[in-house]
Amino acid sequence: MTNRLEKLFGSGLLVIFIILAVSVAFNSDWVNVFDSSVTQLMANAYLPLNTAIFNIVTFLGSPLTVIILTALLCVWLFFKKQVITSLWLGGIQLAGSAITEIVKQVVACPRPINQLVPDTGFSFPSGHTFCTTILVLSVLSLLLPKIHDEENKLVVRLIGIVWIGFVAVSRVYLRDHFGSDVLASVILATGYWLLCAAYEVPIKTFIQRFLPERMKSL
């Protein structure tokens, strides 16, 4: 995707997210209908095995777990002498997580009742889904340029999409989020990532200005 398309699609997704956030904040009918439909769909899947599986998935997709995995990725990049990329990816995750928390406080949407796994704070958007999406996109940005076979690239992309989907579904299944929460998180994370990617060069140049001289060449 070209730099111009990244800016266009990224901006478009953020506009869609803002519309969704405003709709949730004002308790719009169409959001309630959507959330009710997703909840009813999940009601047919409640089984002890599914609950156990989604408990594991939601743990692996939690913001804390994902930030730890991101930190490990950044440390690995650091030792591979990709310091600026390490700081860039780590910064995207941390800044994105902060944005998500700010939106939660502004929209102030209560969580669903009867949670299978009790969670605190506001519901919109899903921090699990947002952080997981950013981590998957970060890993893909590192892996895809090294894969030359298009079929293998497709497989890797699909694995990433499936994992994001599992985390998103787990949050709704466990009644910690509404369908609109996880949908909004994927939209926000993708739009945010595309804009960060579009401005990758100036952001990395800015980061480089603050690095010690011995690290700038790494």
N, C-alpha and C. Protein backbone atom coordinates (compact mmCIF):
# COMPACT_ATOMS: atom_id res chain seq x y z
N MET A 1 0.85 -1.19 0.00
CA MET A 1 0.00 0.00 0.00
C MET A 1 0.89 1.25 0.00
N THR A 2 0.57 2.20 -0.86
CA THR A 2 1.37 3.40 -0.97
C THR A 2 1.14 4.32 0.23
N ASN A 3 2.04 5.26 0.39
CA ASN A 3 1.94 6.20 1.50
C ASN A 3 0.63 6.99 1.44
N ARG A 4 0.23 7.37 0.25
CA ARG A 4 -1.01 8.14 0.09
C ARG A 4 -2.23 7.31 0.48
N LEU A 5 -2.25 6.04 0.06
CA LEU A 5 -3.38 5.18 0.40
C LEU A 5 -3.43 4.90 1.90
N GLU A 6 -2.26 4.74 2.52
CA GLU A 6 -2.22 4.54 3.98
C GLU A 6 -2.86 5.72 4.70
N LYS A 7 -2.54 6.93 4.25
CA LYS A 7 -3.13 8.12 4.87
C LYS A 7 -4.63 8.18 4.62
N LEU A 8 -5.04 7.84 3.40
CA LEU A 8 -6.46 7.90 3.02
C LEU A 8 -7.28 6.89 3.81
N PHE A 9 -6.84 5.63 3.79
CA PHE A 9 -7.58 4.58 4.48
C PHE A 9 -7.50 4.76 6.00
N GLY A 10 -6.34 5.16 6.49
CA GLY A 10 -6.19 5.39 7.92
C GLY A 10 -7.12 6.48 8.41
N SER A 11 -7.17 7.59 7.69
CA SER A 11 -8.06 8.70 8.06
C SER A 11 -9.52 8.28 7.97
N GLY A 12 -9.85 7.53 6.92
CA GLY A 12 -11.23 7.07 6.74
C GLY A 12 -11.68 6.17 7.88
N LEU A 13 -10.80 5.27 8.31
CA LEU A 13 -11.14 4.37 9.41
C LEU A 13 -11.31 5.14 10.72
N LEU A 14 -10.50 6.16 10.93
CA LEU A 14 -10.64 6.96 12.14
C LEU A 14 -11.94 7.74 12.15
N VAL A 15 -12.37 8.21 10.98
CA VAL A 15 -13.67 8.89 10.88
C VAL A 15 -14.79 7.92 11.23
N ILE A 16 -14.71 6.69 10.70
CA ILE A 16 -15.71 5.67 11.01
C ILE A 16 -15.72 5.38 12.51
N PHE A 17 -14.53 5.31 13.12
CA PHE A 17 -14.44 5.06 14.55
C PHE A 17 -15.11 6.18 15.34
N ILE A 18 -14.86 7.42 14.96
CA ILE A 18 -15.45 8.56 15.66
C ILE A 18 -16.97 8.51 15.58
N ILE A 19 -17.49 8.17 14.39
CA ILE A 19 -18.95 8.05 14.23
C ILE A 19 -19.50 6.97 15.15
N LEU A 20 -18.79 5.84 15.22
CA LEU A 20 -19.22 4.74 16.09
C LEU A 20 -19.14 5.14 17.56
N ALA A 21 -18.07 5.85 17.94
CA ALA A 21 -17.90 6.27 19.33
C ALA A 21 -19.02 7.23 19.74
N VAL A 22 -19.36 8.16 18.87
CA VAL A 22 -20.44 9.11 19.16
C VAL A 22 -21.76 8.36 19.28
N SER A 23 -21.97 7.39 18.41
CA SER A 23 -23.21 6.60 18.45
C SER A 23 -23.33 5.83 19.76
N VAL A 24 -22.22 5.26 20.22
CA VAL A 24 -22.22 4.53 21.49
C VAL A 24 -22.45 5.49 22.65
N ALA A 25 -21.78 6.64 22.62
CA ALA A 25 -21.91 7.61 23.70
C ALA A 25 -23.35 8.10 23.85
N PHE A 26 -24.06 8.22 22.73
CA PHE A 26 -25.44 8.71 22.76
C PHE A 26 -26.47 7.57 22.72
N ASN A 27 -25.95 6.33 22.91
CA ASN A 27 -26.84 5.17 23.03
C ASN A 27 -27.78 5.04 21.83
N SER A 28 -27.22 5.11 20.64
CA SER A 28 -28.02 5.06 19.40
C SER A 28 -28.71 3.70 19.25
N ASP A 29 -29.89 3.73 18.67
CA ASP A 29 -30.69 2.51 18.50
C ASP A 29 -29.96 1.47 17.67
N TRP A 30 -29.31 1.92 16.59
CA TRP A 30 -28.68 0.95 15.69
C TRP A 30 -27.53 0.21 16.38
N VAL A 31 -26.85 0.90 17.30
CA VAL A 31 -25.78 0.23 18.07
C VAL A 31 -26.39 -0.81 19.00
N ASN A 32 -27.48 -0.46 19.66
CA ASN A 32 -28.16 -1.40 20.56
C ASN A 32 -28.65 -2.64 19.82
N VAL A 33 -29.18 -2.43 18.63
CA VAL A 33 -29.65 -3.56 17.82
C VAL A 33 -28.48 -4.45 17.43
N PHE A 34 -27.39 -3.83 17.01
CA PHE A 34 -26.19 -4.59 16.63
C PHE A 34 -25.66 -5.39 17.81
N ASP A 35 -25.52 -4.74 18.95
CA ASP A 35 -24.98 -5.41 20.14
C ASP A 35 -25.89 -6.56 20.60
N SER A 36 -27.18 -6.33 20.55
CA SER A 36 -28.13 -7.38 20.96
C SER A 36 -28.05 -8.58 20.04
N SER A 37 -27.89 -8.32 18.74
CA SER A 37 -27.79 -9.41 17.77
C SER A 37 -26.54 -10.25 18.01
N VAL A 38 -25.41 -9.57 18.27
CA VAL A 38 -24.16 -10.29 18.52
C VAL A 38 -24.25 -11.09 19.82
N THR A 39 -24.86 -10.50 20.84
CA THR A 39 -25.01 -11.19 22.13
C THR A 39 -25.88 -12.44 21.98
N GLN A 40 -26.96 -12.32 21.23
CA GLN A 40 -27.84 -13.48 21.01
C GLN A 40 -27.13 -14.57 20.23
N LEU A 41 -26.29 -14.16 19.29
CA LEU A 41 -25.52 -15.13 18.52
C LEU A 41 -24.56 -15.90 19.43
N MET A 42 -23.93 -15.19 20.36
CA MET A 42 -23.00 -15.82 21.29
C MET A 42 -23.71 -16.77 22.25
N ALA A 43 -24.97 -16.48 22.55
CA ALA A 43 -25.71 -17.29 23.52
C ALA A 43 -25.81 -18.75 23.10
N ASN A 44 -25.73 -19.00 21.81
CA ASN A 44 -25.83 -20.38 21.30
C ASN A 44 -24.52 -21.14 21.44
N ALA A 45 -23.46 -20.45 21.86
CA ALA A 45 -22.14 -21.09 21.90
C ALA A 45 -21.64 -21.37 23.31
N TYR A 46 -22.47 -21.11 24.33
CA TYR A 46 -22.01 -21.28 25.70
C TYR A 46 -21.91 -22.75 26.09
N LEU A 47 -20.66 -23.21 26.15
CA LEU A 47 -20.33 -24.57 26.57
C LEU A 47 -19.10 -24.50 27.47
N PRO A 48 -18.97 -25.42 28.42
CA PRO A 48 -17.80 -25.38 29.32
C PRO A 48 -16.47 -25.36 28.57
N LEU A 49 -16.36 -26.15 27.48
CA LEU A 49 -15.10 -26.19 26.73
C LEU A 49 -14.82 -24.85 26.08
N ASN A 50 -15.85 -24.24 25.47
CA ASN A 50 -15.66 -22.93 24.85
C ASN A 50 -15.24 -21.89 25.87
N THR A 51 -15.86 -21.94 27.04
CA THR A 51 -15.53 -20.98 28.09
C THR A 51 -14.07 -21.13 28.51
N ALA A 52 -13.61 -22.37 28.66
CA ALA A 52 -12.21 -22.62 29.04
C ALA A 52 -11.25 -22.11 27.97
N ILE A 53 -11.59 -22.36 26.70
CA ILE A 53 -10.72 -21.93 25.60
C ILE A 53 -10.65 -20.41 25.54
N PHE A 54 -11.81 -19.75 25.64
CA PHE A 54 -11.83 -18.30 25.53
C PHE A 54 -11.22 -17.62 26.75
N ASN A 55 -11.22 -18.30 27.90
CA ASN A 55 -10.50 -17.78 29.06
C ASN A 55 -9.00 -17.69 28.77
N ILE A 56 -8.47 -18.72 28.11
CA ILE A 56 -7.05 -18.73 27.74
C ILE A 56 -6.77 -17.67 26.70
N VAL A 57 -7.65 -17.58 25.70
CA VAL A 57 -7.46 -16.59 24.63
C VAL A 57 -7.47 -15.18 25.17
N THR A 58 -8.43 -14.89 26.07
CA THR A 58 -8.54 -13.53 26.60
C THR A 58 -7.35 -13.19 27.49
N PHE A 59 -6.76 -14.20 28.15
CA PHE A 59 -5.54 -13.96 28.94
C PHE A 59 -4.37 -13.62 28.01
N LEU A 60 -4.22 -14.40 26.95
CA LEU A 60 -3.13 -14.15 26.01
C LEU A 60 -3.29 -12.82 25.26
N GLY A 61 -4.56 -12.38 25.14
CA GLY A 61 -4.82 -11.13 24.44
C GLY A 61 -4.98 -9.93 25.34
N SER A 62 -4.73 -10.11 26.64
CA SER A 62 -4.90 -9.00 27.58
C SER A 62 -3.85 -7.92 27.31
N PRO A 63 -4.17 -6.65 27.59
CA PRO A 63 -3.19 -5.58 27.37
C PRO A 63 -1.87 -5.83 28.06
N LEU A 64 -1.90 -6.35 29.31
CA LEU A 64 -0.66 -6.62 30.02
C LEU A 64 0.18 -7.66 29.30
N THR A 65 -0.45 -8.77 28.90
CA THR A 65 0.28 -9.83 28.19
C THR A 65 0.83 -9.31 26.87
N VAL A 66 0.00 -8.58 26.14
CA VAL A 66 0.42 -8.09 24.83
C VAL A 66 1.55 -7.07 24.96
N ILE A 67 1.48 -6.21 25.96
CA ILE A 67 2.55 -5.22 26.15
C ILE A 67 3.85 -5.92 26.53
N ILE A 68 3.76 -6.98 27.33
CA ILE A 68 4.96 -7.76 27.66
C ILE A 68 5.54 -8.40 26.39
N LEU A 69 4.67 -8.98 25.56
CA LEU A 69 5.14 -9.58 24.30
C LEU A 69 5.75 -8.52 23.38
N THR A 70 5.13 -7.33 23.36
CA THR A 70 5.68 -6.24 22.56
C THR A 70 7.05 -5.83 23.07
N ALA A 71 7.19 -5.78 24.41
CA ALA A 71 8.48 -5.43 25.00
C ALA A 71 9.55 -6.46 24.63
N LEU A 72 9.17 -7.74 24.65
CA LEU A 72 10.12 -8.79 24.26
C LEU A 72 10.51 -8.65 22.80
N LEU A 73 9.53 -8.32 21.95
CA LEU A 73 9.82 -8.09 20.52
C LEU A 73 10.78 -6.92 20.37
N CYS A 74 10.56 -5.85 21.14
CA CYS A 74 11.42 -4.68 21.05
C CYS A 74 12.84 -4.98 21.53
N VAL A 75 12.95 -5.80 22.59
CA VAL A 75 14.27 -6.19 23.08
C VAL A 75 15.00 -7.02 22.02
N TRP A 76 14.26 -7.92 21.38
CA TRP A 76 14.85 -8.74 20.31
C TRP A 76 15.34 -7.85 19.17
N LEU A 77 14.55 -6.86 18.77
CA LEU A 77 14.95 -5.93 17.71
C LEU A 77 16.17 -5.12 18.14
N PHE A 78 16.21 -4.74 19.41
CA PHE A 78 17.35 -3.98 19.93
C PHE A 78 18.65 -4.76 19.77
N PHE A 79 18.60 -6.06 20.14
CA PHE A 79 19.80 -6.88 20.04
C PHE A 79 20.12 -7.26 18.59
N LYS A 80 19.12 -7.11 17.71
CA LYS A 80 19.36 -7.31 16.27
C LYS A 80 19.83 -6.01 15.62
N LYS A 81 20.14 -5.02 16.48
CA LYS A 81 20.64 -3.70 16.05
C LYS A 81 19.62 -2.95 15.20
N GLN A 82 18.35 -3.13 15.54
CA GLN A 82 17.28 -2.35 14.91
C GLN A 82 16.63 -1.47 15.99
N VAL A 83 17.45 -0.58 16.55
CA VAL A 83 17.04 0.20 17.71
C VAL A 83 15.86 1.12 17.39
N ILE A 84 15.94 1.82 16.29
CA ILE A 84 14.89 2.78 15.95
C ILE A 84 13.57 2.06 15.69
N THR A 85 13.63 0.94 14.98
CA THR A 85 12.41 0.15 14.75
C THR A 85 11.84 -0.35 16.06
N SER A 86 12.72 -0.77 16.97
CA SER A 86 12.30 -1.23 18.29
C SER A 86 11.54 -0.14 19.03
N LEU A 87 12.09 1.06 19.05
CA LEU A 87 11.46 2.17 19.75
C LEU A 87 10.17 2.60 19.05
N TRP A 88 10.16 2.53 17.73
CA TRP A 88 8.99 2.93 16.95
C TRP A 88 7.81 2.00 17.25
N LEU A 89 8.05 0.69 17.17
CA LEU A 89 6.97 -0.26 17.43
C LEU A 89 6.50 -0.21 18.88
N GLY A 90 7.45 -0.09 19.80
CA GLY A 90 7.07 0.01 21.20
C GLY A 90 6.26 1.27 21.47
N GLY A 91 6.66 2.37 20.84
CA GLY A 91 5.94 3.63 21.00
C GLY A 91 4.53 3.57 20.45
N ILE A 92 4.36 2.89 19.31
CA ILE A 92 3.03 2.74 18.72
C ILE A 92 2.10 2.00 19.68
N GLN A 93 2.60 0.93 20.27
CA GLN A 93 1.77 0.14 21.20
C GLN A 93 1.41 0.95 22.45
N LEU A 94 2.40 1.58 23.05
CA LEU A 94 2.15 2.32 24.29
C LEU A 94 1.26 3.54 24.07
N ALA A 95 1.53 4.29 23.00
CA ALA A 95 0.71 5.47 22.70
C ALA A 95 -0.71 5.05 22.36
N GLY A 96 -0.84 3.96 21.60
CA GLY A 96 -2.17 3.47 21.25
C GLY A 96 -2.96 3.03 22.47
N SER A 97 -2.29 2.36 23.40
CA SER A 97 -2.95 1.93 24.63
C SER A 97 -3.44 3.13 25.43
N ALA A 98 -2.63 4.19 25.45
CA ALA A 98 -3.02 5.40 26.16
C ALA A 98 -4.24 6.05 25.50
N ILE A 99 -4.25 6.07 24.17
CA ILE A 99 -5.39 6.63 23.43
C ILE A 99 -6.66 5.85 23.75
N THR A 100 -6.54 4.53 23.79
CA THR A 100 -7.69 3.68 24.10
C THR A 100 -8.26 4.00 25.48
N GLU A 101 -7.38 4.17 26.45
CA GLU A 101 -7.84 4.48 27.81
C GLU A 101 -8.52 5.85 27.87
N ILE A 102 -8.00 6.80 27.12
CA ILE A 102 -8.62 8.14 27.09
C ILE A 102 -10.03 8.05 26.50
N VAL A 103 -10.16 7.30 25.40
CA VAL A 103 -11.47 7.14 24.76
C VAL A 103 -12.45 6.47 25.73
N LYS A 104 -11.96 5.46 26.46
CA LYS A 104 -12.83 4.79 27.44
C LYS A 104 -13.42 5.80 28.42
N GLN A 105 -12.59 6.69 28.92
CA GLN A 105 -13.04 7.67 29.91
C GLN A 105 -14.01 8.68 29.30
N VAL A 106 -13.77 9.05 28.05
CA VAL A 106 -14.62 10.05 27.39
C VAL A 106 -15.99 9.47 27.07
N VAL A 107 -16.03 8.27 26.49
CA VAL A 107 -17.29 7.64 26.09
C VAL A 107 -18.03 7.12 27.32
N ALA A 108 -17.28 6.57 28.28
CA ALA A 108 -17.84 6.11 29.57
C ALA A 108 -19.00 5.14 29.40
N CYS A 109 -18.79 4.12 28.59
CA CYS A 109 -19.82 3.11 28.36
C CYS A 109 -19.67 1.98 29.39
N PRO A 110 -20.72 1.69 30.18
CA PRO A 110 -20.64 0.60 31.17
C PRO A 110 -20.45 -0.76 30.49
N ARG A 111 -19.82 -1.68 31.20
CA ARG A 111 -19.64 -3.02 30.66
C ARG A 111 -20.95 -3.81 30.73
N PRO A 112 -21.04 -4.89 29.95
CA PRO A 112 -22.23 -5.76 30.04
C PRO A 112 -22.37 -6.35 31.44
N ILE A 113 -23.58 -6.75 31.78
CA ILE A 113 -23.82 -7.39 33.08
C ILE A 113 -23.60 -8.90 32.96
N ASN A 114 -23.55 -9.58 34.09
CA ASN A 114 -23.39 -11.04 34.14
C ASN A 114 -22.12 -11.51 33.43
N GLN A 115 -21.01 -10.84 33.70
CA GLN A 115 -19.75 -11.23 33.08
C GLN A 115 -19.31 -12.61 33.56
N LEU A 116 -18.81 -13.40 32.63
CA LEU A 116 -18.28 -14.71 33.00
C LEU A 116 -16.92 -14.57 33.67
N VAL A 117 -16.15 -13.59 33.24
CA VAL A 117 -14.87 -13.26 33.87
C VAL A 117 -14.94 -11.78 34.25
N PRO A 118 -15.12 -11.48 35.54
CA PRO A 118 -15.30 -10.09 35.96
C PRO A 118 -14.16 -9.19 35.51
N ASP A 119 -14.52 -8.02 34.99
CA ASP A 119 -13.55 -7.03 34.56
C ASP A 119 -14.02 -5.66 35.04
N THR A 120 -13.10 -4.74 35.16
CA THR A 120 -13.45 -3.42 35.68
C THR A 120 -13.27 -2.37 34.60
N GLY A 121 -13.67 -1.14 34.92
CA GLY A 121 -13.50 -0.05 33.98
C GLY A 121 -14.63 0.02 32.96
N PHE A 122 -14.48 0.93 32.02
CA PHE A 122 -15.49 1.10 30.99
C PHE A 122 -15.29 0.12 29.84
N SER A 123 -16.31 0.02 29.00
CA SER A 123 -16.36 -1.04 27.99
C SER A 123 -15.81 -0.63 26.62
N PHE A 124 -16.06 0.61 26.22
CA PHE A 124 -15.76 1.03 24.84
C PHE A 124 -14.50 1.88 24.78
N PRO A 125 -13.53 1.48 23.91
CA PRO A 125 -13.42 0.26 23.11
C PRO A 125 -12.70 -0.84 23.88
N SER A 126 -12.51 -1.98 23.26
CA SER A 126 -11.86 -3.12 23.90
C SER A 126 -10.34 -2.97 23.86
N GLY A 127 -9.72 -2.87 25.04
CA GLY A 127 -8.27 -2.77 25.10
C GLY A 127 -7.59 -4.05 24.64
N HIS A 128 -8.18 -5.20 24.98
CA HIS A 128 -7.63 -6.49 24.52
C HIS A 128 -7.52 -6.52 23.00
N THR A 129 -8.63 -6.17 22.34
CA THR A 129 -8.68 -6.25 20.87
C THR A 129 -7.75 -5.24 20.24
N PHE A 130 -7.72 -4.03 20.79
CA PHE A 130 -6.85 -2.98 20.24
C PHE A 130 -5.38 -3.40 20.31
N CYS A 131 -4.93 -3.76 21.52
CA CYS A 131 -3.52 -4.10 21.70
C CYS A 131 -3.11 -5.31 20.87
N THR A 132 -4.00 -6.30 20.80
CA THR A 132 -3.71 -7.49 19.99
C THR A 132 -3.58 -7.13 18.52
N THR A 133 -4.47 -6.29 18.02
CA THR A 133 -4.41 -5.88 16.61
C THR A 133 -3.10 -5.17 16.31
N ILE A 134 -2.68 -4.27 17.20
CA ILE A 134 -1.42 -3.55 17.00
C ILE A 134 -0.24 -4.51 17.01
N LEU A 135 -0.24 -5.47 17.93
CA LEU A 135 0.87 -6.44 17.98
C LEU A 135 0.92 -7.28 16.72
N VAL A 136 -0.24 -7.75 16.26
CA VAL A 136 -0.28 -8.55 15.03
C VAL A 136 0.23 -7.74 13.85
N LEU A 137 -0.20 -6.49 13.72
CA LEU A 137 0.25 -5.64 12.62
C LEU A 137 1.75 -5.36 12.72
N SER A 138 2.25 -5.23 13.94
CA SER A 138 3.69 -5.02 14.14
C SER A 138 4.49 -6.23 13.66
N VAL A 139 4.03 -7.42 14.05
CA VAL A 139 4.72 -8.65 13.65
C VAL A 139 4.65 -8.83 12.14
N LEU A 140 3.48 -8.56 11.55
CA LEU A 140 3.33 -8.68 10.10
C LEU A 140 4.25 -7.71 9.37
N SER A 141 4.43 -6.51 9.92
CA SER A 141 5.29 -5.52 9.26
C SER A 141 6.74 -5.99 9.22
N LEU A 142 7.11 -6.84 10.19
CA LEU A 142 8.47 -7.38 10.21
C LEU A 142 8.61 -8.65 9.38
N LEU A 143 7.56 -9.47 9.37
CA LEU A 143 7.64 -10.77 8.69
C LEU A 143 7.42 -10.69 7.18
N LEU A 144 6.39 -9.96 6.78
CA LEU A 144 5.98 -9.98 5.37
C LEU A 144 7.08 -9.58 4.39
N PRO A 145 7.90 -8.55 4.69
CA PRO A 145 8.97 -8.21 3.74
C PRO A 145 10.00 -9.31 3.54
N LYS A 146 10.07 -10.24 4.50
CA LYS A 146 11.04 -11.33 4.40
C LYS A 146 10.47 -12.56 3.70
N ILE A 147 9.16 -12.55 3.43
CA ILE A 147 8.51 -13.68 2.76
C ILE A 147 8.28 -13.32 1.30
N HIS A 148 8.81 -14.11 0.41
CA HIS A 148 8.74 -13.79 -1.02
C HIS A 148 7.60 -14.52 -1.74
N ASP A 149 7.17 -15.63 -1.18
CA ASP A 149 6.09 -16.39 -1.80
C ASP A 149 4.73 -15.78 -1.39
N GLU A 150 3.92 -15.43 -2.38
CA GLU A 150 2.65 -14.76 -2.11
C GLU A 150 1.68 -15.64 -1.33
N GLU A 151 1.69 -16.93 -1.59
CA GLU A 151 0.81 -17.84 -0.85
C GLU A 151 1.17 -17.89 0.63
N ASN A 152 2.47 -17.91 0.90
CA ASN A 152 2.92 -17.90 2.30
C ASN A 152 2.55 -16.59 2.99
N LYS A 153 2.65 -15.49 2.25
CA LYS A 153 2.25 -14.19 2.80
C LYS A 153 0.78 -14.21 3.18
N LEU A 154 -0.03 -14.80 2.31
CA LEU A 154 -1.47 -14.87 2.56
C LEU A 154 -1.75 -15.70 3.81
N VAL A 155 -1.04 -16.82 3.95
CA VAL A 155 -1.22 -17.68 5.12
C VAL A 155 -0.89 -16.93 6.40
N VAL A 156 0.22 -16.20 6.38
CA VAL A 156 0.64 -15.44 7.56
C VAL A 156 -0.39 -14.36 7.90
N ARG A 157 -0.90 -13.68 6.88
CA ARG A 157 -1.93 -12.66 7.11
C ARG A 157 -3.18 -13.27 7.72
N LEU A 158 -3.58 -14.42 7.19
CA LEU A 158 -4.79 -15.09 7.68
C LEU A 158 -4.63 -15.52 9.13
N ILE A 159 -3.45 -16.01 9.48
CA ILE A 159 -3.19 -16.41 10.87
C ILE A 159 -3.35 -15.20 11.79
N GLY A 160 -2.82 -14.06 11.36
CA GLY A 160 -2.94 -12.85 12.14
C GLY A 160 -4.39 -12.41 12.30
N ILE A 161 -5.15 -12.45 11.20
CA ILE A 161 -6.56 -12.06 11.23
C ILE A 161 -7.37 -13.00 12.13
N VAL A 162 -7.09 -14.30 12.03
CA VAL A 162 -7.81 -15.28 12.85
C VAL A 162 -7.55 -15.04 14.33
N TRP A 163 -6.30 -14.74 14.67
CA TRP A 163 -5.98 -14.51 16.08
C TRP A 163 -6.69 -13.26 16.61
N ILE A 164 -6.69 -12.19 15.83
CA ILE A 164 -7.42 -10.98 16.23
C ILE A 164 -8.90 -11.32 16.42
N GLY A 165 -9.44 -12.12 15.50
CA GLY A 165 -10.84 -12.52 15.59
C GLY A 165 -11.12 -13.33 16.85
N PHE A 166 -10.22 -14.24 17.20
CA PHE A 166 -10.40 -15.06 18.41
C PHE A 166 -10.43 -14.18 19.66
N VAL A 167 -9.50 -13.23 19.73
CA VAL A 167 -9.46 -12.34 20.90
C VAL A 167 -10.73 -11.51 20.98
N ALA A 168 -11.16 -10.97 19.84
CA ALA A 168 -12.37 -10.15 19.81
C ALA A 168 -13.59 -10.96 20.24
N VAL A 169 -13.72 -12.16 19.71
CA VAL A 169 -14.86 -13.01 20.05
C VAL A 169 -14.83 -13.40 21.52
N SER A 170 -13.63 -13.66 22.04
CA SER A 170 -13.51 -14.06 23.45
C SER A 170 -14.04 -12.97 24.38
N ARG A 171 -13.82 -11.71 24.02
CA ARG A 171 -14.25 -10.61 24.88
C ARG A 171 -15.78 -10.49 24.92
N VAL A 172 -16.41 -10.77 23.78
CA VAL A 172 -17.87 -10.73 23.73
C VAL A 172 -18.45 -11.99 24.37
N TYR A 173 -17.83 -13.13 24.08
CA TYR A 173 -18.30 -14.39 24.64
C TYR A 173 -18.30 -14.36 26.17
N LEU A 174 -17.24 -13.81 26.75
CA LEU A 174 -17.11 -13.76 28.21
C LEU A 174 -17.91 -12.60 28.81
N ARG A 175 -18.66 -11.89 27.97
CA ARG A 175 -19.54 -10.80 28.38
C ARG A 175 -18.80 -9.64 29.04
N ASP A 176 -17.55 -9.46 28.62
CA ASP A 176 -16.79 -8.32 29.11
C ASP A 176 -16.92 -7.11 28.18
N HIS A 177 -17.42 -7.38 26.96
CA HIS A 177 -17.57 -6.31 25.98
C HIS A 177 -18.79 -6.57 25.10
N PHE A 178 -19.26 -5.49 24.49
CA PHE A 178 -20.30 -5.59 23.47
C PHE A 178 -19.64 -5.78 22.10
N GLY A 179 -20.45 -6.20 21.14
CA GLY A 179 -19.93 -6.36 19.79
C GLY A 179 -19.38 -5.06 19.22
N SER A 180 -20.02 -3.95 19.53
CA SER A 180 -19.56 -2.65 19.03
C SER A 180 -18.19 -2.28 19.61
N ASP A 181 -17.89 -2.75 20.82
CA ASP A 181 -16.60 -2.45 21.45
C ASP A 181 -15.44 -3.05 20.66
N VAL A 182 -15.58 -4.33 20.33
CA VAL A 182 -14.47 -5.01 19.65
C VAL A 182 -14.37 -4.57 18.19
N LEU A 183 -15.53 -4.32 17.55
CA LEU A 183 -15.50 -3.82 16.18
C LEU A 183 -14.80 -2.47 16.13
N ALA A 184 -15.14 -1.60 17.06
CA ALA A 184 -14.52 -0.27 17.12
C ALA A 184 -13.02 -0.37 17.35
N SER A 185 -12.60 -1.32 18.17
CA SER A 185 -11.17 -1.47 18.46
C SER A 185 -10.37 -1.88 17.23
N VAL A 186 -10.92 -2.79 16.45
CA VAL A 186 -10.24 -3.21 15.22
C VAL A 186 -10.15 -2.03 14.25
N ILE A 187 -11.23 -1.27 14.14
CA ILE A 187 -11.24 -0.11 13.24
C ILE A 187 -10.23 0.94 13.71
N LEU A 188 -10.25 1.24 15.02
CA LEU A 188 -9.33 2.23 15.56
C LEU A 188 -7.88 1.80 15.40
N ALA A 189 -7.59 0.55 15.77
CA ALA A 189 -6.21 0.06 15.72
C ALA A 189 -5.68 0.05 14.28
N THR A 190 -6.51 -0.38 13.33
CA THR A 190 -6.08 -0.43 11.93
C THR A 190 -5.85 0.96 11.37
N GLY A 191 -6.79 1.88 11.65
CA GLY A 191 -6.62 3.25 11.18
C GLY A 191 -5.41 3.92 11.79
N TYR A 192 -5.24 3.73 13.07
CA TYR A 192 -4.09 4.28 13.79
C TYR A 192 -2.78 3.72 13.24
N TRP A 193 -2.76 2.40 13.01
CA TRP A 193 -1.55 1.77 12.47
C TRP A 193 -1.22 2.31 11.08
N LEU A 194 -2.22 2.43 10.22
CA LEU A 194 -1.98 2.91 8.86
C LEU A 194 -1.41 4.32 8.85
N LEU A 195 -1.91 5.17 9.74
CA LEU A 195 -1.39 6.54 9.81
C LEU A 195 0.04 6.54 10.36
N CYS A 196 0.31 5.69 11.34
CA CYS A 196 1.68 5.58 11.85
C CYS A 196 2.63 5.08 10.76
N ALA A 197 2.15 4.10 9.97
CA ALA A 197 2.97 3.57 8.87
C ALA A 197 3.21 4.63 7.81
N ALA A 198 2.19 5.46 7.55
CA ALA A 198 2.32 6.52 6.54
C ALA A 198 3.37 7.54 6.94
N TYR A 199 3.50 7.76 8.24
CA TYR A 199 4.48 8.75 8.75
C TYR A 199 5.67 8.07 9.41
N GLU A 200 5.95 6.83 8.99
CA GLU A 200 7.04 6.07 9.60
C GLU A 200 8.38 6.79 9.49
N VAL A 201 8.71 7.30 8.32
CA VAL A 201 10.01 7.94 8.11
C VAL A 201 10.19 9.17 8.99
N PRO A 202 9.26 10.13 8.97
CA PRO A 202 9.45 11.30 9.85
C PRO A 202 9.44 10.95 11.33
N ILE A 203 8.63 9.94 11.72
CA ILE A 203 8.60 9.54 13.13
C ILE A 203 9.94 8.94 13.54
N LYS A 204 10.49 8.07 12.68
CA LYS A 204 11.78 7.46 13.00
C LYS A 204 12.90 8.50 13.00
N THR A 205 12.80 9.48 12.10
CA THR A 205 13.79 10.56 12.07
C THR A 205 13.73 11.37 13.37
N PHE A 206 12.52 11.60 13.84
CA PHE A 206 12.33 12.33 15.10
C PHE A 206 12.92 11.54 16.27
N ILE A 207 12.67 10.23 16.29
CA ILE A 207 13.22 9.38 17.35
C ILE A 207 14.74 9.41 17.33
N GLN A 208 15.30 9.35 16.14
CA GLN A 208 16.75 9.29 15.98
C GLN A 208 17.44 10.52 16.56
N ARG A 209 16.76 11.66 16.52
CA ARG A 209 17.35 12.90 17.03
C ARG A 209 17.67 12.83 18.51
N PHE A 210 16.96 11.97 19.24
CA PHE A 210 17.13 11.90 20.68
C PHE A 210 18.02 10.74 21.12
N LEU A 211 18.52 9.98 20.15
CA LEU A 211 19.37 8.84 20.49
C LEU A 211 20.83 9.28 20.65
N PRO A 212 21.58 8.60 21.54
CA PRO A 212 23.02 8.86 21.62
C PRO A 212 23.69 8.55 20.28
N GLU A 213 24.77 9.22 19.99
CA GLU A 213 25.45 9.09 18.70
C GLU A 213 25.81 7.63 18.39
N ARG A 214 26.23 6.87 19.40
CA ARG A 214 26.66 5.49 19.16
C ARG A 214 25.50 4.57 18.78
N MET A 215 24.26 5.01 19.05
CA MET A 215 23.09 4.18 18.75
C MET A 215 22.41 4.57 17.44
N LYS A 216 22.75 5.72 16.90
CA LYS A 216 22.07 6.20 15.70
C LYS A 216 22.37 5.36 14.47
N SER A 217 23.53 4.71 14.46
CA SER A 217 23.92 3.90 13.30
C SER A 217 23.37 2.48 13.38
N LEU A 218 22.74 2.12 14.51
CA LEU A 218 22.25 0.75 14.69
C LEU A 218 20.92 0.55 13.97
